[in-house]
Amino acid sequence: MTESPTRRPAALREGSRRSEQDLLQAGYALLEEGGVDALTVAAVAERAGMAVGSIYRRFGDKQGLLLAIQHAFTENIQAEITERLSAERLRLLRDPAVAIAEAVGALTDAFRAHEALLRVFLLLGTRHEAVRAEGSRVSVEGNRHFAEALRHTPVAHADPEAALDFAYRLIYAAIAHRGTHRGTQGEFLESERPLPWTELRTHLQTAVISYLLGTREAR
């Protein structure tokens, strides 16, 4: 029986997609376990059960592989945050303070859930321009999405857009700073008093709610 000319390409495309996902998952695991030094083409190929040549054909070299892993990773995080930061969903919450708390929590929870990989890319971005540029692009998109999600919030500032921009920067700076240090190290960076992720999340929510909904600034 002759194989349909339309079925085989579709099957090949699906197999190619699965193979690429296997490679990316292998890359995620190696970066989480040993950082960027653990990410070699040979190690990824072995972890994924594929030939080294297939990685070079798909990604060109180690840098191409690294950037592909970073892009796929950041796209996944954005999708997670977007699901929780729907403007329509936050509007249904009615109470502006609850909506702001949900937005802050979404950002904090995403960072905490993926802190090992985020740590790798945040630190690598300080010395790798392409990684820094991709990280900055994603952060700026996150800023826009944060502002869009809270566009109906009655921000008590003369310039609501600037206030939302600052609120996002405050959240990002705090959780990125925490994320660059392993385990409990980040809890004691600035103080002898511990500040675990759960408390950091709560305090950020309180601070951002107070800042955005507080007394209108003098003009």
N, C-alpha and C. Protein backbone atom coordinates (compact mmCIF):
# COMPACT_ATOMS: atom_id res chain seq x y z
N MET A 1 0.85 -1.20 0.00
CA MET A 1 0.00 0.00 0.00
C MET A 1 0.88 1.25 0.00
N THR A 2 0.60 2.16 -0.89
CA THR A 2 1.40 3.38 -1.00
C THR A 2 1.03 4.35 0.11
N GLU A 3 2.06 4.90 0.78
CA GLU A 3 1.81 5.83 1.89
C GLU A 3 1.32 7.16 1.37
N SER A 4 0.35 7.73 2.02
CA SER A 4 -0.21 9.01 1.61
C SER A 4 0.87 10.08 1.62
N PRO A 5 0.99 10.89 0.56
CA PRO A 5 2.02 11.93 0.50
C PRO A 5 1.80 13.04 1.51
N THR A 6 0.57 13.14 2.07
CA THR A 6 0.30 14.22 3.01
C THR A 6 0.51 13.79 4.45
N ARG A 7 0.45 12.46 4.72
CA ARG A 7 0.56 12.00 6.10
C ARG A 7 1.99 11.96 6.59
N ARG A 8 2.91 11.53 5.73
CA ARG A 8 4.28 11.38 6.18
C ARG A 8 4.93 12.70 6.60
N PRO A 9 4.80 13.78 5.81
CA PRO A 9 5.39 15.05 6.26
C PRO A 9 4.85 15.50 7.60
N ALA A 10 3.54 15.31 7.84
CA ALA A 10 2.96 15.71 9.12
C ALA A 10 3.56 14.90 10.25
N ALA A 11 3.73 13.59 10.02
CA ALA A 11 4.33 12.74 11.03
C ALA A 11 5.78 13.14 11.29
N LEU A 12 6.48 13.48 10.22
CA LEU A 12 7.86 13.91 10.38
C LEU A 12 7.96 15.21 11.16
N ARG A 13 7.03 16.13 10.87
CA ARG A 13 7.03 17.40 11.58
C ARG A 13 6.76 17.18 13.07
N GLU A 14 5.83 16.28 13.37
CA GLU A 14 5.51 16.00 14.77
C GLU A 14 6.70 15.36 15.47
N GLY A 15 7.38 14.44 14.77
CA GLY A 15 8.56 13.82 15.35
C GLY A 15 9.66 14.83 15.58
N SER A 16 9.82 15.76 14.64
CA SER A 16 10.83 16.80 14.79
C SER A 16 10.52 17.70 15.97
N ARG A 17 9.24 18.02 16.15
CA ARG A 17 8.83 18.86 17.26
C ARG A 17 9.12 18.17 18.60
N ARG A 18 8.81 16.87 18.66
CA ARG A 18 9.07 16.12 19.90
C ARG A 18 10.56 16.04 20.18
N SER A 19 11.36 15.85 19.12
CA SER A 19 12.80 15.77 19.30
C SER A 19 13.36 17.08 19.83
N GLU A 20 12.85 18.20 19.29
CA GLU A 20 13.31 19.49 19.77
C GLU A 20 12.91 19.72 21.22
N GLN A 21 11.71 19.29 21.60
CA GLN A 21 11.29 19.42 22.99
C GLN A 21 12.16 18.56 23.91
N ASP A 22 12.54 17.38 23.45
CA ASP A 22 13.42 16.52 24.24
C ASP A 22 14.77 17.19 24.47
N LEU A 23 15.29 17.84 23.43
CA LEU A 23 16.57 18.54 23.56
C LEU A 23 16.46 19.71 24.53
N LEU A 24 15.39 20.46 24.42
CA LEU A 24 15.21 21.61 25.31
C LEU A 24 15.04 21.16 26.76
N GLN A 25 14.28 20.09 26.97
CA GLN A 25 14.10 19.58 28.33
C GLN A 25 15.42 19.09 28.91
N ALA A 26 16.23 18.46 28.07
CA ALA A 26 17.55 18.02 28.52
C ALA A 26 18.40 19.22 28.90
N GLY A 27 18.31 20.29 28.11
CA GLY A 27 19.04 21.52 28.42
C GLY A 27 18.59 22.15 29.71
N TYR A 28 17.26 22.18 29.93
CA TYR A 28 16.73 22.72 31.19
C TYR A 28 17.34 21.97 32.38
N ALA A 29 17.31 20.64 32.30
CA ALA A 29 17.77 19.82 33.42
C ALA A 29 19.25 20.06 33.72
N LEU A 30 20.07 20.13 32.68
CA LEU A 30 21.50 20.33 32.87
C LEU A 30 21.79 21.70 33.47
N LEU A 31 21.08 22.73 33.01
CA LEU A 31 21.29 24.07 33.55
C LEU A 31 20.86 24.16 35.01
N GLU A 32 19.76 23.50 35.35
CA GLU A 32 19.30 23.50 36.74
C GLU A 32 20.28 22.77 37.65
N GLU A 33 20.84 21.70 37.15
CA GLU A 33 21.72 20.87 37.97
C GLU A 33 23.12 21.45 38.14
N GLY A 34 23.67 21.99 37.05
CA GLY A 34 25.07 22.42 37.11
C GLY A 34 25.38 23.78 36.55
N GLY A 35 24.36 24.54 36.18
CA GLY A 35 24.61 25.86 35.61
C GLY A 35 25.10 25.78 34.18
N VAL A 36 25.55 26.92 33.66
CA VAL A 36 25.90 26.98 32.24
C VAL A 36 27.10 26.11 31.91
N ASP A 37 27.99 25.87 32.87
CA ASP A 37 29.16 25.02 32.60
C ASP A 37 28.76 23.58 32.30
N ALA A 38 27.61 23.17 32.81
CA ALA A 38 27.14 21.79 32.58
C ALA A 38 26.49 21.63 31.22
N LEU A 39 26.19 22.74 30.56
CA LEU A 39 25.51 22.69 29.27
C LEU A 39 26.53 22.55 28.15
N THR A 40 26.74 21.35 27.70
CA THR A 40 27.58 21.09 26.53
C THR A 40 26.72 20.36 25.50
N VAL A 41 27.11 20.46 24.26
CA VAL A 41 26.36 19.78 23.20
C VAL A 41 26.35 18.28 23.45
N ALA A 42 27.48 17.74 23.86
CA ALA A 42 27.56 16.30 24.12
C ALA A 42 26.66 15.89 25.27
N ALA A 43 26.64 16.69 26.34
CA ALA A 43 25.81 16.35 27.50
C ALA A 43 24.33 16.41 27.16
N VAL A 44 23.93 17.41 26.39
CA VAL A 44 22.52 17.52 25.99
C VAL A 44 22.13 16.34 25.11
N ALA A 45 23.00 15.99 24.17
CA ALA A 45 22.71 14.87 23.28
C ALA A 45 22.56 13.57 24.07
N GLU A 46 23.45 13.36 25.04
CA GLU A 46 23.38 12.14 25.85
C GLU A 46 22.11 12.12 26.69
N ARG A 47 21.78 13.25 27.31
CA ARG A 47 20.59 13.32 28.17
C ARG A 47 19.33 13.10 27.34
N ALA A 48 19.30 13.62 26.13
CA ALA A 48 18.11 13.49 25.28
C ALA A 48 18.09 12.18 24.50
N GLY A 49 19.19 11.43 24.53
CA GLY A 49 19.26 10.18 23.78
C GLY A 49 19.30 10.40 22.28
N MET A 50 20.00 11.46 21.86
CA MET A 50 20.08 11.80 20.44
C MET A 50 21.53 11.98 20.03
N ALA A 51 21.74 12.06 18.73
CA ALA A 51 23.09 12.22 18.20
C ALA A 51 23.53 13.68 18.32
N VAL A 52 24.83 13.87 18.55
CA VAL A 52 25.39 15.22 18.65
C VAL A 52 25.11 16.02 17.39
N GLY A 53 25.22 15.35 16.26
CA GLY A 53 25.01 16.04 14.98
C GLY A 53 23.64 16.64 14.84
N SER A 54 22.64 16.03 15.46
CA SER A 54 21.28 16.57 15.35
C SER A 54 21.16 17.92 16.03
N ILE A 55 21.95 18.13 17.10
CA ILE A 55 21.93 19.42 17.80
C ILE A 55 22.57 20.50 16.94
N TYR A 56 23.70 20.17 16.32
CA TYR A 56 24.36 21.14 15.45
C TYR A 56 23.48 21.49 14.26
N ARG A 57 22.76 20.50 13.73
CA ARG A 57 21.88 20.79 12.59
C ARG A 57 20.72 21.71 13.00
N ARG A 58 20.22 21.55 14.21
CA ARG A 58 19.07 22.35 14.64
C ARG A 58 19.47 23.73 15.15
N PHE A 59 20.56 23.80 15.91
CA PHE A 59 20.88 25.04 16.63
C PHE A 59 22.21 25.69 16.23
N GLY A 60 23.00 25.02 15.44
CA GLY A 60 24.24 25.61 14.96
C GLY A 60 25.43 25.34 15.85
N ASP A 61 25.33 25.77 17.12
CA ASP A 61 26.43 25.56 18.07
C ASP A 61 25.87 25.68 19.49
N LYS A 62 26.77 25.66 20.48
CA LYS A 62 26.33 25.72 21.87
C LYS A 62 25.59 27.02 22.17
N GLN A 63 26.06 28.15 21.62
CA GLN A 63 25.39 29.41 21.87
C GLN A 63 23.98 29.40 21.29
N GLY A 64 23.84 28.85 20.09
CA GLY A 64 22.51 28.76 19.50
C GLY A 64 21.58 27.90 20.33
N LEU A 65 22.12 26.81 20.88
CA LEU A 65 21.34 25.94 21.75
C LEU A 65 20.94 26.68 23.02
N LEU A 66 21.89 27.38 23.62
CA LEU A 66 21.62 28.12 24.85
C LEU A 66 20.52 29.16 24.64
N LEU A 67 20.60 29.91 23.56
CA LEU A 67 19.60 30.94 23.30
C LEU A 67 18.23 30.33 23.00
N ALA A 68 18.23 29.18 22.33
CA ALA A 68 16.96 28.50 22.07
C ALA A 68 16.32 28.03 23.36
N ILE A 69 17.14 27.52 24.28
CA ILE A 69 16.64 27.10 25.59
C ILE A 69 16.09 28.30 26.35
N GLN A 70 16.83 29.41 26.35
CA GLN A 70 16.37 30.60 27.05
C GLN A 70 15.05 31.11 26.47
N HIS A 71 14.96 31.15 25.16
CA HIS A 71 13.75 31.67 24.52
C HIS A 71 12.54 30.80 24.86
N ALA A 72 12.71 29.48 24.75
CA ALA A 72 11.60 28.57 25.06
C ALA A 72 11.20 28.69 26.53
N PHE A 73 12.19 28.81 27.38
CA PHE A 73 11.94 28.94 28.82
C PHE A 73 11.17 30.22 29.15
N THR A 74 11.62 31.34 28.62
CA THR A 74 10.95 32.61 28.91
C THR A 74 9.54 32.65 28.30
N GLU A 75 9.36 32.02 27.15
CA GLU A 75 8.02 31.96 26.56
C GLU A 75 7.07 31.18 27.47
N ASN A 76 7.58 30.11 28.07
CA ASN A 76 6.73 29.31 28.97
C ASN A 76 6.35 30.10 30.21
N ILE A 77 7.30 30.84 30.77
CA ILE A 77 7.01 31.65 31.96
C ILE A 77 6.00 32.74 31.62
N GLN A 78 6.20 33.39 30.47
CA GLN A 78 5.26 34.43 30.06
C GLN A 78 3.85 33.87 29.93
N ALA A 79 3.73 32.66 29.39
CA ALA A 79 2.41 32.05 29.22
C ALA A 79 1.77 31.80 30.59
N GLU A 80 2.57 31.36 31.55
CA GLU A 80 2.04 31.13 32.90
C GLU A 80 1.54 32.43 33.52
N ILE A 81 2.35 33.47 33.41
CA ILE A 81 1.97 34.76 34.00
C ILE A 81 0.76 35.35 33.28
N THR A 82 0.75 35.25 31.95
CA THR A 82 -0.35 35.81 31.16
C THR A 82 -1.69 35.18 31.55
N GLU A 83 -1.65 33.89 31.83
CA GLU A 83 -2.89 33.20 32.21
C GLU A 83 -3.49 33.80 33.48
N ARG A 84 -2.62 34.21 34.42
CA ARG A 84 -3.11 34.78 35.68
C ARG A 84 -3.30 36.29 35.59
N LEU A 85 -2.62 36.94 34.64
CA LEU A 85 -2.71 38.40 34.54
C LEU A 85 -3.62 38.85 33.41
N SER A 86 -4.72 38.18 33.25
CA SER A 86 -5.71 38.61 32.27
C SER A 86 -6.43 39.85 32.80
N ALA A 87 -6.48 40.91 32.00
CA ALA A 87 -7.16 42.14 32.43
C ALA A 87 -8.62 41.87 32.74
N GLU A 88 -9.25 41.02 31.92
CA GLU A 88 -10.66 40.70 32.14
C GLU A 88 -10.83 39.94 33.46
N ARG A 89 -9.92 39.00 33.73
CA ARG A 89 -10.00 38.23 34.97
C ARG A 89 -9.80 39.12 36.19
N LEU A 90 -8.83 40.02 36.13
CA LEU A 90 -8.58 40.89 37.28
C LEU A 90 -9.73 41.86 37.51
N ARG A 91 -10.38 42.27 36.44
CA ARG A 91 -11.52 43.17 36.61
C ARG A 91 -12.65 42.49 37.38
N LEU A 92 -12.79 41.18 37.21
CA LEU A 92 -13.84 40.45 37.91
C LEU A 92 -13.61 40.39 39.41
N LEU A 93 -12.39 40.65 39.83
CA LEU A 93 -12.08 40.61 41.25
C LEU A 93 -12.67 41.80 42.00
N ARG A 94 -13.05 42.83 41.25
CA ARG A 94 -13.74 44.00 41.81
C ARG A 94 -12.85 44.86 42.70
N ASP A 95 -12.34 44.30 43.76
CA ASP A 95 -11.54 45.06 44.72
C ASP A 95 -10.15 45.33 44.11
N PRO A 96 -9.77 46.60 43.90
CA PRO A 96 -8.47 46.91 43.30
C PRO A 96 -7.30 46.33 44.09
N ALA A 97 -7.41 46.31 45.40
CA ALA A 97 -6.31 45.76 46.21
C ALA A 97 -6.13 44.27 45.95
N VAL A 98 -7.21 43.56 45.77
CA VAL A 98 -7.14 42.13 45.49
C VAL A 98 -6.53 41.90 44.10
N ALA A 99 -6.91 42.74 43.14
CA ALA A 99 -6.37 42.61 41.79
C ALA A 99 -4.86 42.86 41.78
N ILE A 100 -4.42 43.87 42.50
CA ILE A 100 -2.99 44.17 42.58
C ILE A 100 -2.25 43.02 43.26
N ALA A 101 -2.81 42.51 44.34
CA ALA A 101 -2.19 41.39 45.06
C ALA A 101 -2.05 40.18 44.14
N GLU A 102 -3.05 39.92 43.32
CA GLU A 102 -2.99 38.80 42.38
C GLU A 102 -1.89 39.02 41.35
N ALA A 103 -1.77 40.25 40.84
CA ALA A 103 -0.74 40.55 39.84
C ALA A 103 0.66 40.38 40.43
N VAL A 104 0.87 40.90 41.62
CA VAL A 104 2.17 40.77 42.28
C VAL A 104 2.46 39.30 42.57
N GLY A 105 1.46 38.59 43.05
CA GLY A 105 1.64 37.18 43.35
C GLY A 105 1.98 36.35 42.12
N ALA A 106 1.37 36.69 40.98
CA ALA A 106 1.65 35.95 39.75
C ALA A 106 3.11 36.08 39.35
N LEU A 107 3.66 37.28 39.44
CA LEU A 107 5.06 37.49 39.09
C LEU A 107 5.99 36.77 40.08
N THR A 108 5.70 36.92 41.36
CA THR A 108 6.54 36.31 42.39
C THR A 108 6.51 34.79 42.30
N ASP A 109 5.33 34.23 42.12
CA ASP A 109 5.19 32.77 42.07
C ASP A 109 5.92 32.19 40.85
N ALA A 110 5.86 32.89 39.72
CA ALA A 110 6.55 32.39 38.52
C ALA A 110 8.05 32.36 38.73
N PHE A 111 8.59 33.41 39.32
CA PHE A 111 10.03 33.44 39.58
C PHE A 111 10.41 32.35 40.57
N ARG A 112 9.63 32.22 41.62
CA ARG A 112 9.98 31.22 42.63
C ARG A 112 9.92 29.80 42.06
N ALA A 113 8.93 29.52 41.23
CA ALA A 113 8.76 28.18 40.68
C ALA A 113 9.91 27.79 39.75
N HIS A 114 10.55 28.80 39.15
CA HIS A 114 11.60 28.51 38.17
C HIS A 114 12.92 29.18 38.55
N GLU A 115 13.15 29.35 39.85
CA GLU A 115 14.28 30.17 40.27
C GLU A 115 15.64 29.60 39.86
N ALA A 116 15.78 28.29 39.75
CA ALA A 116 17.07 27.71 39.39
C ALA A 116 17.49 28.13 37.98
N LEU A 117 16.57 28.02 37.02
CA LEU A 117 16.90 28.42 35.65
C LEU A 117 17.00 29.93 35.52
N LEU A 118 16.13 30.63 36.21
CA LEU A 118 16.20 32.09 36.17
C LEU A 118 17.53 32.58 36.70
N ARG A 119 18.03 31.94 37.75
CA ARG A 119 19.32 32.32 38.32
C ARG A 119 20.43 32.19 37.27
N VAL A 120 20.39 31.10 36.52
CA VAL A 120 21.40 30.88 35.48
C VAL A 120 21.37 32.00 34.46
N PHE A 121 20.19 32.35 33.97
CA PHE A 121 20.09 33.35 32.91
C PHE A 121 20.33 34.77 33.43
N LEU A 122 19.90 35.05 34.65
CA LEU A 122 20.15 36.37 35.22
C LEU A 122 21.65 36.62 35.40
N LEU A 123 22.36 35.63 35.93
CA LEU A 123 23.79 35.78 36.15
C LEU A 123 24.55 35.76 34.82
N LEU A 124 24.13 34.89 33.92
CA LEU A 124 24.80 34.83 32.62
C LEU A 124 24.60 36.11 31.83
N GLY A 125 23.46 36.75 32.02
CA GLY A 125 23.17 37.99 31.31
C GLY A 125 24.10 39.13 31.66
N THR A 126 24.79 39.04 32.81
CA THR A 126 25.74 40.10 33.19
C THR A 126 27.01 40.04 32.36
N ARG A 127 27.23 38.92 31.63
CA ARG A 127 28.46 38.81 30.83
C ARG A 127 28.22 38.28 29.42
N HIS A 128 26.96 38.05 29.09
CA HIS A 128 26.63 37.51 27.76
C HIS A 128 25.56 38.42 27.16
N GLU A 129 25.95 39.21 26.17
CA GLU A 129 25.06 40.25 25.65
C GLU A 129 23.78 39.69 25.06
N ALA A 130 23.87 38.60 24.31
CA ALA A 130 22.68 38.05 23.68
C ALA A 130 21.68 37.55 24.73
N VAL A 131 22.18 36.94 25.79
CA VAL A 131 21.31 36.49 26.88
C VAL A 131 20.69 37.69 27.58
N ARG A 132 21.50 38.72 27.83
CA ARG A 132 20.99 39.94 28.47
C ARG A 132 19.90 40.58 27.63
N ALA A 133 20.12 40.65 26.32
CA ALA A 133 19.15 41.30 25.43
C ALA A 133 17.83 40.55 25.42
N GLU A 134 17.88 39.23 25.39
CA GLU A 134 16.65 38.44 25.40
C GLU A 134 15.94 38.60 26.75
N GLY A 135 16.71 38.60 27.83
CA GLY A 135 16.10 38.78 29.15
C GLY A 135 15.45 40.14 29.28
N SER A 136 16.11 41.17 28.75
CA SER A 136 15.56 42.52 28.81
C SER A 136 14.28 42.62 27.99
N ARG A 137 14.28 42.00 26.81
CA ARG A 137 13.09 42.02 25.95
C ARG A 137 11.89 41.42 26.68
N VAL A 138 12.11 40.29 27.30
CA VAL A 138 11.03 39.61 28.01
C VAL A 138 10.56 40.42 29.21
N SER A 139 11.51 41.04 29.91
CA SER A 139 11.16 41.86 31.08
C SER A 139 10.31 43.07 30.67
N VAL A 140 10.68 43.70 29.57
CA VAL A 140 9.92 44.86 29.08
C VAL A 140 8.52 44.42 28.67
N GLU A 141 8.40 43.27 28.02
CA GLU A 141 7.08 42.77 27.67
C GLU A 141 6.26 42.48 28.92
N GLY A 142 6.92 41.95 29.95
CA GLY A 142 6.23 41.70 31.21
C GLY A 142 5.73 42.98 31.83
N ASN A 143 6.52 44.04 31.72
CA ASN A 143 6.13 45.35 32.24
C ASN A 143 4.85 45.83 31.55
N ARG A 144 4.83 45.72 30.23
CA ARG A 144 3.65 46.16 29.47
C ARG A 144 2.43 45.34 29.86
N HIS A 145 2.62 44.05 30.03
CA HIS A 145 1.49 43.18 30.36
C HIS A 145 0.98 43.48 31.77
N PHE A 146 1.88 43.76 32.68
CA PHE A 146 1.49 44.12 34.05
C PHE A 146 0.64 45.38 34.04
N ALA A 147 1.09 46.38 33.29
CA ALA A 147 0.35 47.64 33.21
C ALA A 147 -1.01 47.44 32.54
N GLU A 148 -1.05 46.62 31.50
CA GLU A 148 -2.30 46.36 30.80
C GLU A 148 -3.29 45.62 31.71
N ALA A 149 -2.78 44.68 32.48
CA ALA A 149 -3.64 43.90 33.36
C ALA A 149 -4.29 44.77 34.43
N LEU A 150 -3.59 45.83 34.85
CA LEU A 150 -4.09 46.71 35.91
C LEU A 150 -4.57 48.06 35.38
N ARG A 151 -4.88 48.11 34.09
CA ARG A 151 -5.25 49.39 33.49
C ARG A 151 -6.53 49.97 34.07
N HIS A 152 -7.38 49.15 34.66
CA HIS A 152 -8.64 49.64 35.24
C HIS A 152 -8.50 49.96 36.73
N THR A 153 -7.30 49.77 37.26
CA THR A 153 -7.09 50.05 38.69
C THR A 153 -7.02 51.56 38.92
N PRO A 154 -7.71 52.08 39.91
CA PRO A 154 -7.69 53.53 40.18
C PRO A 154 -6.39 53.94 40.89
N VAL A 155 -5.33 54.05 40.11
CA VAL A 155 -4.01 54.38 40.67
C VAL A 155 -4.00 55.81 41.20
N ALA A 156 -3.60 55.99 42.43
CA ALA A 156 -3.66 57.29 43.10
C ALA A 156 -2.38 58.09 42.88
N HIS A 157 -2.04 58.32 41.61
CA HIS A 157 -0.87 59.12 41.26
C HIS A 157 -1.22 60.01 40.07
N ALA A 158 -0.56 61.12 39.99
CA ALA A 158 -0.82 62.04 38.88
C ALA A 158 -0.49 61.40 37.55
N ASP A 159 0.50 60.50 37.52
CA ASP A 159 0.89 59.80 36.29
C ASP A 159 0.76 58.30 36.56
N PRO A 160 -0.42 57.73 36.33
CA PRO A 160 -0.65 56.31 36.62
C PRO A 160 0.30 55.37 35.87
N GLU A 161 0.62 55.72 34.62
CA GLU A 161 1.51 54.85 33.84
C GLU A 161 2.90 54.79 34.46
N ALA A 162 3.39 55.93 34.92
CA ALA A 162 4.70 55.96 35.57
C ALA A 162 4.67 55.18 36.88
N ALA A 163 3.55 55.28 37.61
CA ALA A 163 3.42 54.57 38.88
C ALA A 163 3.41 53.06 38.66
N LEU A 164 2.67 52.59 37.66
CA LEU A 164 2.64 51.17 37.35
C LEU A 164 4.00 50.68 36.87
N ASP A 165 4.69 51.51 36.11
CA ASP A 165 6.03 51.17 35.64
C ASP A 165 6.97 50.99 36.84
N PHE A 166 6.91 51.92 37.79
CA PHE A 166 7.76 51.82 38.96
C PHE A 166 7.40 50.60 39.81
N ALA A 167 6.10 50.33 39.95
CA ALA A 167 5.66 49.18 40.74
C ALA A 167 6.23 47.88 40.15
N TYR A 168 6.18 47.76 38.83
CA TYR A 168 6.73 46.56 38.19
C TYR A 168 8.22 46.47 38.42
N ARG A 169 8.93 47.60 38.28
CA ARG A 169 10.39 47.60 38.50
C ARG A 169 10.72 47.19 39.94
N LEU A 170 9.92 47.66 40.88
CA LEU A 170 10.14 47.31 42.28
C LEU A 170 9.99 45.80 42.50
N ILE A 171 8.92 45.24 41.96
CA ILE A 171 8.68 43.80 42.09
C ILE A 171 9.80 43.02 41.43
N TYR A 172 10.12 43.40 40.20
CA TYR A 172 11.14 42.66 39.44
C TYR A 172 12.49 42.73 40.13
N ALA A 173 12.86 43.90 40.60
CA ALA A 173 14.16 44.06 41.26
C ALA A 173 14.25 43.18 42.50
N ALA A 174 13.19 43.16 43.30
CA ALA A 174 13.21 42.39 44.54
C ALA A 174 13.31 40.89 44.28
N ILE A 175 12.50 40.39 43.35
CA ILE A 175 12.49 38.95 43.14
C ILE A 175 13.68 38.49 42.29
N ALA A 176 14.18 39.35 41.39
CA ALA A 176 15.38 38.98 40.64
C ALA A 176 16.59 38.95 41.56
N HIS A 177 16.67 39.91 42.47
CA HIS A 177 17.76 39.96 43.44
C HIS A 177 17.74 38.71 44.30
N ARG A 178 16.55 38.33 44.77
CA ARG A 178 16.43 37.12 45.57
C ARG A 178 16.79 35.89 44.73
N GLY A 179 16.36 35.88 43.49
CA GLY A 179 16.56 34.71 42.64
C GLY A 179 17.99 34.43 42.25
N THR A 180 18.88 35.40 42.37
CA THR A 180 20.27 35.18 41.99
C THR A 180 21.07 34.47 43.07
N HIS A 181 20.45 34.15 44.21
CA HIS A 181 21.15 33.48 45.30
C HIS A 181 20.44 32.18 45.65
N ARG A 182 21.22 31.16 45.86
CA ARG A 182 20.68 29.83 46.10
C ARG A 182 20.04 29.68 47.48
N GLY A 183 18.99 28.86 47.52
CA GLY A 183 18.40 28.45 48.79
C GLY A 183 18.06 29.60 49.71
N THR A 184 18.52 29.46 50.93
CA THR A 184 18.23 30.47 51.95
C THR A 184 19.22 31.62 51.95
N GLN A 185 20.23 31.59 51.06
CA GLN A 185 21.21 32.67 51.03
C GLN A 185 20.55 34.02 50.82
N GLY A 186 19.55 34.04 49.94
CA GLY A 186 18.87 35.30 49.65
C GLY A 186 18.07 35.86 50.79
N GLU A 187 17.74 35.02 51.76
CA GLU A 187 16.94 35.47 52.89
C GLU A 187 17.73 36.39 53.83
N PHE A 188 19.06 36.30 53.78
CA PHE A 188 19.89 37.02 54.75
C PHE A 188 20.85 38.02 54.08
N LEU A 189 20.58 38.40 52.84
CA LEU A 189 21.50 39.28 52.12
C LEU A 189 21.62 40.65 52.77
N GLU A 190 20.51 41.19 53.20
CA GLU A 190 20.50 42.57 53.71
C GLU A 190 20.27 42.67 55.21
N SER A 191 19.98 41.53 55.85
CA SER A 191 19.60 41.58 57.26
C SER A 191 19.85 40.23 57.92
N GLU A 192 19.98 40.24 59.23
CA GLU A 192 20.09 38.99 59.96
C GLU A 192 18.72 38.35 60.15
N ARG A 193 17.69 39.12 59.85
CA ARG A 193 16.32 38.62 59.98
C ARG A 193 15.94 37.89 58.69
N PRO A 194 15.52 36.63 58.76
CA PRO A 194 15.20 35.88 57.54
C PRO A 194 13.95 36.44 56.84
N LEU A 195 13.95 36.36 55.52
CA LEU A 195 12.80 36.78 54.74
C LEU A 195 12.55 35.74 53.65
N PRO A 196 11.85 34.65 54.00
CA PRO A 196 11.59 33.59 53.01
C PRO A 196 10.67 34.08 51.90
N TRP A 197 10.59 33.29 50.83
CA TRP A 197 9.81 33.67 49.66
C TRP A 197 8.36 34.01 50.02
N THR A 198 7.76 33.24 50.89
CA THR A 198 6.35 33.48 51.23
C THR A 198 6.15 34.85 51.86
N GLU A 199 7.08 35.23 52.73
CA GLU A 199 6.97 36.54 53.36
C GLU A 199 7.33 37.65 52.38
N LEU A 200 8.33 37.42 51.54
CA LEU A 200 8.68 38.41 50.52
C LEU A 200 7.47 38.69 49.63
N ARG A 201 6.77 37.64 49.24
CA ARG A 201 5.58 37.78 48.41
C ARG A 201 4.53 38.65 49.10
N THR A 202 4.26 38.35 50.37
CA THR A 202 3.25 39.10 51.13
C THR A 202 3.64 40.57 51.29
N HIS A 203 4.90 40.82 51.62
CA HIS A 203 5.35 42.20 51.83
C HIS A 203 5.34 42.99 50.52
N LEU A 204 5.70 42.34 49.42
CA LEU A 204 5.64 43.01 48.12
C LEU A 204 4.20 43.38 47.77
N GLN A 205 3.28 42.47 48.03
CA GLN A 205 1.87 42.76 47.76
C GLN A 205 1.41 43.96 48.58
N THR A 206 1.75 43.97 49.86
CA THR A 206 1.35 45.07 50.74
C THR A 206 1.96 46.39 50.29
N ALA A 207 3.24 46.36 49.95
CA ALA A 207 3.95 47.58 49.54
C ALA A 207 3.39 48.14 48.24
N VAL A 208 3.13 47.28 47.26
CA VAL A 208 2.64 47.74 45.96
C VAL A 208 1.20 48.23 46.07
N ILE A 209 0.38 47.55 46.84
CA ILE A 209 -0.99 48.02 47.06
C ILE A 209 -0.98 49.41 47.69
N SER A 210 -0.17 49.59 48.71
CA SER A 210 -0.08 50.88 49.40
C SER A 210 0.42 51.97 48.45
N TYR A 211 1.42 51.62 47.65
CA TYR A 211 1.99 52.61 46.73
C TYR A 211 0.99 53.02 45.65
N LEU A 212 0.32 52.07 45.05
CA LEU A 212 -0.57 52.37 43.93
C LEU A 212 -1.90 52.97 44.38
N LEU A 213 -2.39 52.57 45.53
CA LEU A 213 -3.71 53.03 45.97
C LEU A 213 -3.66 54.08 47.08
N GLY A 214 -2.44 54.50 47.46
CA GLY A 214 -2.29 55.45 48.56
C GLY A 214 -2.78 56.85 48.22
N THR A 215 -2.52 57.78 49.11
CA THR A 215 -2.94 59.15 48.93
C THR A 215 -2.34 59.75 47.68
N ARG A 216 -3.16 60.42 46.92
CA ARG A 216 -2.68 61.04 45.67
C ARG A 216 -1.54 62.00 45.96
N GLU A 217 -0.51 61.86 45.16
CA GLU A 217 0.67 62.69 45.36
C GLU A 217 0.35 64.17 45.08
N ALA A 218 1.11 65.05 45.72
CA ALA A 218 0.94 66.48 45.47
C ALA A 218 1.43 66.83 44.08
N ARG A 219 0.73 67.71 43.42
CA ARG A 219 1.13 68.08 42.07
C ARG A 219 1.95 69.34 42.09
